[in-house]
Amino acid sequence: MRKLNYFFIFFLALLMVNCNNNKGILPQKKMTQVLLELHLAEALAQHLPKDSLQSDIKNTDSLACFSKEIFTNNQVTEKEFLQSLEWYKSKPELLDSMYQNILSEIAILHSKKVE
């Protein structure tokens, strides 16, 4: 009986540690949506006319505005997004799964455009 109590206490402690480690991390579904929207915004910004003073190939002003709007619409701060991105980078299997979903969504959007 005593061993069972120790096991139960150990299990609860482990559960509490795991719950605290994910604090502030965006759920996978929301993170996938934000990443998809950011990638689409970056693609769009590359095709917008750029300011003659800019040396890069994308319109960084437009991209900054798009990013801000994406974060606002998804009720996410840039800090939360970056913190979550770092966390997901340390979990490559989850990040890979999210990008598989993103690629699927892009393929669906592309097929709707072609039709």
N, C-alpha and C. Protein backbone atom coordinates (compact mmCIF):
# COMPACT_ATOMS: atom_id res chain seq x y z
N MET A 1 0.82 -1.19 0.00
CA MET A 1 0.00 0.00 0.00
C MET A 1 0.87 1.26 0.00
N ARG A 2 1.95 1.18 0.74
CA ARG A 2 2.85 2.31 0.84
C ARG A 2 3.52 2.62 -0.51
N LYS A 3 3.86 1.56 -1.25
CA LYS A 3 4.46 1.75 -2.57
C LYS A 3 3.47 2.42 -3.52
N LEU A 4 2.22 2.07 -3.38
CA LEU A 4 1.18 2.66 -4.22
C LEU A 4 1.07 4.16 -3.94
N ASN A 5 1.18 4.56 -2.69
CA ASN A 5 1.14 5.99 -2.33
C ASN A 5 2.31 6.75 -2.94
N TYR A 6 3.50 6.15 -2.87
CA TYR A 6 4.67 6.80 -3.45
C TYR A 6 4.54 6.92 -4.97
N PHE A 7 4.01 5.88 -5.59
CA PHE A 7 3.80 5.91 -7.03
C PHE A 7 2.82 7.02 -7.39
N PHE A 8 1.73 7.13 -6.63
CA PHE A 8 0.71 8.14 -6.89
C PHE A 8 1.30 9.55 -6.74
N ILE A 9 2.09 9.78 -5.71
CA ILE A 9 2.71 11.09 -5.49
C ILE A 9 3.69 11.40 -6.62
N PHE A 10 4.48 10.41 -7.03
CA PHE A 10 5.42 10.60 -8.13
C PHE A 10 4.67 10.94 -9.42
N PHE A 11 3.58 10.24 -9.69
CA PHE A 11 2.78 10.47 -10.89
C PHE A 11 2.21 11.89 -10.89
N LEU A 12 1.68 12.33 -9.77
CA LEU A 12 1.13 13.69 -9.68
C LEU A 12 2.21 14.74 -9.89
N ALA A 13 3.38 14.53 -9.29
CA ALA A 13 4.48 15.48 -9.46
C ALA A 13 4.91 15.55 -10.92
N LEU A 14 4.99 14.42 -11.57
CA LEU A 14 5.36 14.37 -12.98
C LEU A 14 4.32 15.08 -13.83
N LEU A 15 3.08 14.87 -13.53
CA LEU A 15 2.00 15.52 -14.27
C LEU A 15 2.06 17.03 -14.10
N MET A 16 2.32 17.50 -12.90
CA MET A 16 2.39 18.94 -12.65
C MET A 16 3.57 19.57 -13.38
N VAL A 17 4.69 18.89 -13.43
CA VAL A 17 5.86 19.41 -14.15
C VAL A 17 5.56 19.51 -15.63
N ASN A 18 4.93 18.49 -16.20
CA ASN A 18 4.61 18.52 -17.63
C ASN A 18 3.62 19.62 -17.95
N CYS A 19 2.64 19.85 -17.11
CA CYS A 19 1.67 20.91 -17.34
C CYS A 19 2.33 22.28 -17.30
N ASN A 20 3.25 22.49 -16.40
CA ASN A 20 3.92 23.78 -16.28
C ASN A 20 4.89 24.04 -17.43
N ASN A 21 5.46 23.00 -18.01
CA ASN A 21 6.41 23.19 -19.11
C ASN A 21 5.73 23.76 -20.35
N ASN A 22 4.45 23.52 -20.55
CA ASN A 22 3.75 23.97 -21.74
C ASN A 22 3.04 25.30 -21.53
N LYS A 23 3.24 25.91 -20.38
CA LYS A 23 2.57 27.16 -20.08
C LYS A 23 3.02 28.24 -21.07
N GLY A 24 2.06 28.90 -21.67
CA GLY A 24 2.36 29.95 -22.63
C GLY A 24 2.63 29.45 -24.04
N ILE A 25 2.54 28.16 -24.27
CA ILE A 25 2.77 27.59 -25.59
C ILE A 25 1.44 27.49 -26.32
N LEU A 26 1.41 27.99 -27.55
CA LEU A 26 0.17 27.92 -28.33
C LEU A 26 -0.18 26.48 -28.64
N PRO A 27 -1.46 26.14 -28.59
CA PRO A 27 -1.87 24.79 -28.98
C PRO A 27 -1.48 24.53 -30.43
N GLN A 28 -1.29 23.28 -30.75
CA GLN A 28 -0.80 22.90 -32.08
C GLN A 28 -1.71 23.43 -33.20
N LYS A 29 -3.00 23.34 -33.01
CA LYS A 29 -3.94 23.79 -34.06
C LYS A 29 -3.81 25.29 -34.31
N LYS A 30 -3.74 26.07 -33.24
CA LYS A 30 -3.62 27.52 -33.39
C LYS A 30 -2.26 27.88 -33.97
N MET A 31 -1.21 27.22 -33.53
CA MET A 31 0.13 27.49 -34.04
C MET A 31 0.18 27.18 -35.54
N THR A 32 -0.44 26.11 -35.96
CA THR A 32 -0.48 25.75 -37.37
C THR A 32 -1.18 26.84 -38.18
N GLN A 33 -2.30 27.33 -37.67
CA GLN A 33 -3.05 28.38 -38.36
C GLN A 33 -2.23 29.66 -38.49
N VAL A 34 -1.57 30.05 -37.42
CA VAL A 34 -0.76 31.28 -37.45
C VAL A 34 0.40 31.11 -38.43
N LEU A 35 1.07 29.97 -38.39
CA LEU A 35 2.18 29.73 -39.33
C LEU A 35 1.70 29.76 -40.77
N LEU A 36 0.56 29.14 -41.05
CA LEU A 36 0.01 29.15 -42.41
C LEU A 36 -0.24 30.58 -42.86
N GLU A 37 -0.90 31.36 -42.03
CA GLU A 37 -1.22 32.74 -42.40
C GLU A 37 0.04 33.57 -42.58
N LEU A 38 1.04 33.36 -41.73
CA LEU A 38 2.29 34.11 -41.87
C LEU A 38 3.01 33.76 -43.17
N HIS A 39 3.01 32.48 -43.52
CA HIS A 39 3.67 32.07 -44.78
C HIS A 39 2.93 32.64 -45.98
N LEU A 40 1.61 32.64 -45.94
CA LEU A 40 0.84 33.21 -47.04
C LEU A 40 1.08 34.72 -47.14
N ALA A 41 1.17 35.38 -46.00
CA ALA A 41 1.44 36.82 -45.98
C ALA A 41 2.82 37.13 -46.56
N GLU A 42 3.79 36.30 -46.22
CA GLU A 42 5.13 36.52 -46.76
C GLU A 42 5.15 36.33 -48.28
N ALA A 43 4.42 35.33 -48.76
CA ALA A 43 4.34 35.12 -50.22
C ALA A 43 3.68 36.31 -50.90
N LEU A 44 2.62 36.83 -50.28
CA LEU A 44 1.94 37.99 -50.85
C LEU A 44 2.86 39.21 -50.83
N ALA A 45 3.58 39.43 -49.75
CA ALA A 45 4.47 40.58 -49.63
C ALA A 45 5.57 40.55 -50.68
N GLN A 46 5.96 39.37 -51.11
CA GLN A 46 7.00 39.27 -52.14
C GLN A 46 6.50 39.76 -53.50
N HIS A 47 5.18 39.76 -53.69
CA HIS A 47 4.62 40.15 -54.98
C HIS A 47 4.05 41.56 -54.98
N LEU A 48 4.11 42.24 -53.86
CA LEU A 48 3.66 43.63 -53.80
C LEU A 48 4.77 44.54 -54.29
N PRO A 49 4.41 45.68 -54.87
CA PRO A 49 5.46 46.61 -55.30
C PRO A 49 6.28 47.07 -54.10
N LYS A 50 7.57 47.05 -54.25
CA LYS A 50 8.42 47.45 -53.14
C LYS A 50 8.81 48.91 -53.26
N ASP A 51 9.13 49.47 -52.13
CA ASP A 51 9.61 50.84 -52.07
C ASP A 51 10.97 50.89 -52.77
N SER A 52 11.22 51.90 -53.51
CA SER A 52 12.48 51.99 -54.26
C SER A 52 13.70 52.06 -53.34
N LEU A 53 13.49 52.41 -52.07
CA LEU A 53 14.61 52.48 -51.13
C LEU A 53 14.94 51.13 -50.51
N GLN A 54 14.03 50.17 -50.65
CA GLN A 54 14.27 48.87 -50.05
C GLN A 54 15.17 48.04 -50.94
N SER A 55 16.06 47.31 -50.30
CA SER A 55 17.00 46.51 -51.07
C SER A 55 16.60 45.04 -51.13
N ASP A 56 15.65 44.61 -50.28
CA ASP A 56 15.28 43.20 -50.32
C ASP A 56 14.12 43.00 -51.30
N ILE A 57 13.80 41.73 -51.55
CA ILE A 57 12.79 41.45 -52.58
C ILE A 57 11.36 41.45 -52.06
N LYS A 58 11.15 41.59 -50.75
CA LYS A 58 9.79 41.63 -50.26
C LYS A 58 9.49 42.98 -49.63
N ASN A 59 8.26 43.34 -49.63
CA ASN A 59 7.82 44.59 -49.06
C ASN A 59 7.71 44.41 -47.55
N THR A 60 8.75 44.81 -46.83
CA THR A 60 8.81 44.55 -45.39
C THR A 60 7.77 45.34 -44.61
N ASP A 61 7.40 46.53 -45.07
CA ASP A 61 6.35 47.29 -44.40
C ASP A 61 5.03 46.55 -44.45
N SER A 62 4.69 46.05 -45.62
CA SER A 62 3.44 45.30 -45.76
C SER A 62 3.48 44.03 -44.94
N LEU A 63 4.62 43.35 -44.95
CA LEU A 63 4.74 42.11 -44.19
C LEU A 63 4.57 42.37 -42.69
N ALA A 64 5.13 43.47 -42.21
CA ALA A 64 4.96 43.83 -40.79
C ALA A 64 3.50 44.09 -40.47
N CYS A 65 2.81 44.79 -41.36
CA CYS A 65 1.37 45.05 -41.15
C CYS A 65 0.57 43.75 -41.19
N PHE A 66 0.88 42.89 -42.14
CA PHE A 66 0.18 41.60 -42.24
C PHE A 66 0.40 40.79 -40.97
N SER A 67 1.64 40.74 -40.52
CA SER A 67 1.97 39.95 -39.32
C SER A 67 1.21 40.45 -38.10
N LYS A 68 1.20 41.76 -37.95
CA LYS A 68 0.48 42.35 -36.81
C LYS A 68 -1.00 41.98 -36.87
N GLU A 69 -1.58 42.07 -38.05
CA GLU A 69 -3.00 41.73 -38.23
C GLU A 69 -3.26 40.24 -37.96
N ILE A 70 -2.35 39.40 -38.38
CA ILE A 70 -2.49 37.95 -38.15
C ILE A 70 -2.45 37.66 -36.66
N PHE A 71 -1.53 38.26 -35.95
CA PHE A 71 -1.45 38.04 -34.50
C PHE A 71 -2.71 38.55 -33.81
N THR A 72 -3.19 39.71 -34.23
CA THR A 72 -4.41 40.27 -33.63
C THR A 72 -5.61 39.38 -33.89
N ASN A 73 -5.78 38.96 -35.14
CA ASN A 73 -6.93 38.12 -35.49
C ASN A 73 -6.92 36.78 -34.77
N ASN A 74 -5.74 36.26 -34.50
CA ASN A 74 -5.63 34.97 -33.82
C ASN A 74 -5.49 35.12 -32.31
N GLN A 75 -5.56 36.36 -31.83
CA GLN A 75 -5.45 36.66 -30.40
C GLN A 75 -4.16 36.08 -29.80
N VAL A 76 -3.07 36.38 -30.49
CA VAL A 76 -1.74 35.90 -30.11
C VAL A 76 -0.79 37.10 -30.13
N THR A 77 0.09 37.16 -29.17
CA THR A 77 1.12 38.20 -29.23
C THR A 77 2.33 37.65 -29.99
N GLU A 78 3.13 38.56 -30.49
CA GLU A 78 4.34 38.12 -31.19
C GLU A 78 5.26 37.36 -30.24
N LYS A 79 5.31 37.80 -28.99
CA LYS A 79 6.13 37.12 -27.98
C LYS A 79 5.64 35.69 -27.77
N GLU A 80 4.32 35.50 -27.65
CA GLU A 80 3.77 34.14 -27.48
C GLU A 80 4.10 33.28 -28.69
N PHE A 81 3.98 33.88 -29.88
CA PHE A 81 4.27 33.13 -31.10
C PHE A 81 5.73 32.69 -31.13
N LEU A 82 6.64 33.63 -30.87
CA LEU A 82 8.07 33.30 -30.92
C LEU A 82 8.45 32.28 -29.85
N GLN A 83 7.89 32.43 -28.67
CA GLN A 83 8.15 31.46 -27.59
C GLN A 83 7.64 30.08 -28.00
N SER A 84 6.46 30.05 -28.59
CA SER A 84 5.89 28.77 -29.03
C SER A 84 6.71 28.17 -30.16
N LEU A 85 7.16 29.01 -31.07
CA LEU A 85 7.96 28.52 -32.18
C LEU A 85 9.24 27.87 -31.68
N GLU A 86 9.89 28.49 -30.72
CA GLU A 86 11.10 27.90 -30.13
C GLU A 86 10.79 26.56 -29.48
N TRP A 87 9.66 26.49 -28.78
CA TRP A 87 9.27 25.24 -28.11
C TRP A 87 9.01 24.15 -29.15
N TYR A 88 8.26 24.50 -30.22
CA TYR A 88 7.98 23.50 -31.25
C TYR A 88 9.24 23.09 -32.02
N LYS A 89 10.21 23.99 -32.14
CA LYS A 89 11.47 23.63 -32.79
C LYS A 89 12.18 22.53 -32.00
N SER A 90 11.98 22.52 -30.70
CA SER A 90 12.62 21.48 -29.88
C SER A 90 11.84 20.17 -29.92
N LYS A 91 10.71 20.17 -30.60
CA LYS A 91 9.87 18.97 -30.78
C LYS A 91 9.66 18.76 -32.28
N PRO A 92 10.70 18.32 -33.00
CA PRO A 92 10.62 18.26 -34.46
C PRO A 92 9.48 17.41 -35.00
N GLU A 93 9.07 16.38 -34.27
CA GLU A 93 7.97 15.55 -34.76
C GLU A 93 6.66 16.33 -34.78
N LEU A 94 6.46 17.22 -33.82
CA LEU A 94 5.26 18.06 -33.80
C LEU A 94 5.33 19.13 -34.89
N LEU A 95 6.49 19.74 -35.03
CA LEU A 95 6.67 20.77 -36.05
C LEU A 95 6.48 20.18 -37.45
N ASP A 96 7.01 18.99 -37.66
CA ASP A 96 6.84 18.32 -38.95
C ASP A 96 5.36 18.04 -39.22
N SER A 97 4.65 17.60 -38.22
CA SER A 97 3.22 17.34 -38.35
C SER A 97 2.46 18.61 -38.71
N MET A 98 2.83 19.71 -38.06
CA MET A 98 2.16 20.98 -38.36
C MET A 98 2.43 21.40 -39.80
N TYR A 99 3.68 21.24 -40.26
CA TYR A 99 3.99 21.64 -41.63
C TYR A 99 3.36 20.71 -42.66
N GLN A 100 3.12 19.47 -42.32
CA GLN A 100 2.37 18.60 -43.22
C GLN A 100 0.94 19.13 -43.39
N ASN A 101 0.34 19.58 -42.29
CA ASN A 101 -0.99 20.18 -42.35
C ASN A 101 -0.98 21.48 -43.14
N ILE A 102 0.05 22.28 -42.96
CA ILE A 102 0.18 23.54 -43.70
C ILE A 102 0.29 23.27 -45.19
N LEU A 103 1.11 22.31 -45.56
CA LEU A 103 1.24 21.97 -46.98
C LEU A 103 -0.07 21.47 -47.57
N SER A 104 -0.81 20.71 -46.80
CA SER A 104 -2.13 20.24 -47.26
C SER A 104 -3.08 21.40 -47.47
N GLU A 105 -3.08 22.34 -46.54
CA GLU A 105 -3.94 23.52 -46.67
C GLU A 105 -3.56 24.36 -47.88
N ILE A 106 -2.27 24.52 -48.11
CA ILE A 106 -1.81 25.29 -49.27
C ILE A 106 -2.23 24.59 -50.56
N ALA A 107 -2.12 23.27 -50.60
CA ALA A 107 -2.55 22.52 -51.78
C ALA A 107 -4.04 22.70 -52.04
N ILE A 108 -4.83 22.70 -50.98
CA ILE A 108 -6.28 22.93 -51.13
C ILE A 108 -6.55 24.33 -51.66
N LEU A 109 -5.88 25.32 -51.10
CA LEU A 109 -6.05 26.70 -51.56
C LEU A 109 -5.62 26.84 -53.03
N HIS A 110 -4.53 26.18 -53.37
CA HIS A 110 -4.04 26.24 -54.75
C HIS A 110 -5.03 25.59 -55.71
N SER A 111 -5.60 24.47 -55.33
CA SER A 111 -6.57 23.79 -56.21
C SER A 111 -7.83 24.62 -56.39
N LYS A 112 -8.23 25.37 -55.37
CA LYS A 112 -9.41 26.24 -55.49
C LYS A 112 -9.10 27.41 -56.43
N LYS A 113 -7.86 27.88 -56.41
CA LYS A 113 -7.44 28.97 -57.27
C LYS A 113 -7.43 28.55 -58.73
N VAL A 114 -6.99 27.33 -58.98
CA VAL A 114 -6.86 26.79 -60.33
C VAL A 114 -8.24 26.55 -60.95
N GLU A 115 -9.19 26.15 -60.14
CA GLU A 115 -10.53 25.80 -60.65
C GLU A 115 -11.25 26.97 -61.21
